[in-house]
Protein backbone atom coordinates (compact mmCIF):
# COMPACT_ATOMS: atom_id res chain seq x y z
CA MET A 1 34.29 7.53 25.75
CA ASN A 2 32.56 5.49 23.06
CA ASN A 3 34.47 2.29 23.90
CA GLU A 4 33.56 2.64 27.57
CA ILE A 5 29.86 2.68 26.74
CA VAL A 6 30.21 -0.42 24.57
CA GLU A 7 32.10 -2.21 27.35
CA ILE A 8 29.49 -1.29 29.96
CA VAL A 9 26.61 -2.39 27.73
CA ALA A 10 28.37 -5.65 26.81
CA ILE A 11 29.11 -6.58 30.42
CA SER A 12 25.62 -5.61 31.55
CA SER A 13 24.09 -7.68 28.75
CA VAL A 14 26.16 -10.77 29.52
CA PHE A 15 25.29 -10.76 33.21
CA GLY A 16 21.84 -9.19 32.91
CA MET A 17 20.31 -11.54 30.32
CA PRO A 18 20.22 -14.65 32.54
CA VAL A 19 18.60 -12.60 35.29
CA LEU A 20 16.07 -11.17 32.83
CA ILE A 21 15.27 -14.63 31.43
CA ALA A 22 14.79 -16.04 34.95
CA LEU A 23 12.45 -13.15 35.82
CA ILE A 24 10.39 -13.70 32.69
CA VAL A 25 10.07 -17.44 33.38
CA GLY A 26 9.06 -16.74 36.99
CA ILE A 27 6.46 -14.18 35.99
CA VAL A 28 4.93 -16.53 33.40
CA TYR A 29 4.80 -19.32 36.00
CA LEU A 30 3.06 -17.07 38.52
CA LEU A 31 0.57 -15.83 35.92
CA ASN A 32 -0.30 -19.43 35.00
CA LYS A 33 -0.78 -20.31 38.67
CA ARG A 34 -2.99 -17.26 39.20
CA SER A 35 -5.07 -18.20 36.17
CA MET A 36 -5.61 -21.73 37.51
CA TYR A 37 -6.72 -20.39 40.90
CA ASN A 38 -9.11 -17.97 39.20
CA VAL A 39 -10.68 -20.91 37.34
CA ILE A 40 -11.08 -22.79 40.64
CA LYS A 41 -12.57 -19.68 42.28
CA THR A 42 -15.06 -19.30 39.43
CA MET A 43 -16.03 -22.97 39.68
CA VAL A 44 -16.70 -22.64 43.41
CA GLU A 45 -18.68 -19.42 42.96
CA ASN A 46 -20.88 -21.07 40.31
CA GLY A 47 -21.44 -24.15 42.44
CA HIS A 48 -19.56 -26.59 40.25
CA PRO A 49 -17.56 -29.33 41.95
CA VAL A 50 -13.80 -28.88 41.79
CA PRO A 51 -11.99 -32.05 40.73
CA PRO A 52 -9.22 -33.03 43.15
CA GLN A 53 -6.81 -33.40 40.23
CA MET A 54 -6.67 -29.61 39.97
CA PHE A 55 -4.94 -29.44 43.35
CA GLU A 56 -2.45 -32.20 42.68
CA ARG A 57 0.92 -31.38 41.26
CA GLN A 58 1.24 -32.75 37.77
CA GLU A 59 5.02 -33.21 37.91
CA LYS A 60 5.62 -36.79 36.86
CA GLY A 61 8.99 -36.01 35.38
CA ILE A 62 10.18 -36.55 31.89
CA SER A 63 9.20 -39.78 30.13
CA SER A 64 11.68 -42.32 28.84
CA ILE A 65 10.88 -41.28 25.27
CA GLY A 66 11.57 -37.64 26.15
CA MET A 67 14.89 -38.61 27.71
CA LEU A 68 15.79 -40.62 24.62
CA ARG A 69 14.95 -37.63 22.40
CA ASN A 70 17.03 -35.29 24.57
CA GLY A 71 19.90 -37.76 24.57
CA LEU A 72 19.91 -38.13 20.81
CA MET A 73 19.80 -34.36 20.38
CA CYS A 74 22.76 -33.90 22.74
CA ILE A 75 24.71 -36.57 20.89
CA ALA A 76 23.91 -34.83 17.60
CA VAL A 77 25.16 -31.51 18.99
CA GLY A 78 28.36 -33.18 20.18
CA VAL A 79 28.95 -34.88 16.85
CA GLY A 80 28.24 -31.65 14.98
CA THR A 81 30.69 -29.75 17.15
CA ALA A 82 33.29 -32.49 16.68
CA LEU A 83 32.86 -32.28 12.90
CA LEU A 84 33.32 -28.52 13.11
CA ALA A 85 36.46 -29.03 15.20
CA TRP A 86 37.77 -31.52 12.64
CA ALA A 87 37.13 -29.05 9.82
CA VAL A 88 38.87 -26.23 11.67
CA GLY A 89 41.61 -28.45 13.06
CA SER A 90 41.12 -27.45 16.70
CA LEU A 91 41.77 -30.05 19.40
CA GLU A 92 40.35 -27.73 22.09
CA LEU A 93 37.02 -27.52 20.30
CA ALA A 94 36.98 -31.28 19.87
CA SER A 95 37.34 -31.72 23.63
CA VAL A 96 34.42 -29.34 24.15
CA ALA A 97 32.38 -31.49 21.75
CA SER A 98 32.72 -34.45 24.09
CA VAL A 99 30.69 -32.74 26.82
CA PRO A 100 27.27 -32.65 25.09
CA ALA A 101 27.95 -36.01 23.46
CA LEU A 102 28.60 -37.67 26.84
CA VAL A 103 25.57 -35.96 28.37
CA GLY A 104 23.56 -37.40 25.48
CA VAL A 105 24.95 -40.87 26.14
CA ALA A 106 23.94 -40.50 29.80
CA TYR A 107 20.40 -39.49 28.75
CA VAL A 108 20.13 -42.54 26.48
CA ILE A 109 21.30 -44.85 29.29
CA ILE A 110 18.81 -43.29 31.72
CA SER A 111 16.09 -43.67 29.10
CA VAL A 112 16.77 -47.39 28.74
CA VAL A 113 16.76 -47.89 32.52
CA ALA A 114 13.57 -45.84 32.94
CA LYS A 115 11.81 -47.79 30.17
CA LYS A 116 12.69 -51.09 31.86
CA LYS A 117 11.42 -49.71 35.17
CA GLU A 118 8.15 -48.55 33.55
CA GLU A 119 7.67 -51.97 31.97
CA ALA A 120 8.32 -53.70 35.30
CA GLU A 121 5.81 -51.45 37.07
CA ALA A 122 3.25 -52.04 34.33
CA ALA A 123 3.68 -55.80 34.71
CA LYS A 124 3.20 -55.58 38.50
CA ALA A 125 0.09 -53.39 38.31
CA PRO A 126 -3.14 -55.38 38.39
CA GLU A 127 -5.09 -55.20 35.17
CA SER A 128 -8.31 -53.26 35.42
CA THR A 129 -11.33 -55.44 35.04
CA THR A 130 -13.78 -53.57 32.88
CA PRO A 131 -16.69 -55.51 31.43
CA ASP A 132 -16.62 -55.92 27.68
CA CYS A 133 -19.82 -54.81 26.06
């Protein structure tokens, strides 16, 4: 009887936690959206102009520096796992260590490509002509 309860709770926890985490993230997202719309509503009621930037989506994606940071962290996790596998003497664990390490290498490569693209776009963009005072 006691083992059955433990098994049921363990299985429910394993499959229920991702669902619970997704629900919490969704609720927080909706609450933030509602808060932003309440701010806009209050601005309109008080007669203040609403900047158009509030309606635009601010999803520019992750920057090249952020991708580089993520890549280096993934490589560090892979190397740490490989060192653990070496200490334990497990070839299976060493093969698992290659996954985050290779994902990290991919992030670093994407970071380099994105940085070159940002620099090329910055070179193409016309410089703003502001008068020097």
